[in-house]
Amino acid sequence: MQEGTGSRRVGGTRRVYWKMPPLIKVYEALGAVGGERCELADPNVAFVRSSTGDKLYRVETGDGGRELSSSDNASYWQGYLGYPAIAVLLARGILALDPLAAKALANIPWHDLNQRFKNDYAKTLSEVERRLRAAGHDPKRVRAVARATAEALAKLKPYRGRRLRPS
């Protein structure tokens, strides 16, 4: 899913487009919304709590959700759009939310799994799918939702707002 960032001038302003995230970040975003960890503070500011509950990420939106700033590590250091910003796009209805998929992913301990598998996202995703099956959910359906969300995100062509340093 990762693509390079691009930039272009629009009305005299240079826009830098976000790199698309690994698909697992869409799963994490769905889980954040399903777990009710996303708080919309006002029309342009939201906060997303981490899966461990110890971090709070700030997300700012503008231009109908296309301009995004987020204080998560991936957005700041890796240059791709992190799960908190994707969660806000879902919570605001800018990207379509599948409530069943979101609820299925609500209680996944993302941080712990990523640490356990040393950020090997394929291994983490395999474990998530195992947990989904064990809980009676259909991993293929959840994967289809995540892929459709990722495609919609790419079509949105989000671009960077101001840079927010992780706290």
Foldseek 3Di string as FASTA:
>chain_A
DFDAWDWDDDPNDIWIFFTADDLVQLLQLLQQVLQVQWADPDPFWIWGAALVRPFIKIWGADPLLQEIEIADPCVQPVRHDGSNSLNVCCVVVVFPHDNVLSNLSNNDNVVVLCVVVVNPVVSSLVVSCVSSVVVPHHSVVSSVVSVVRSVSSVVSRHTYDDYHHHD
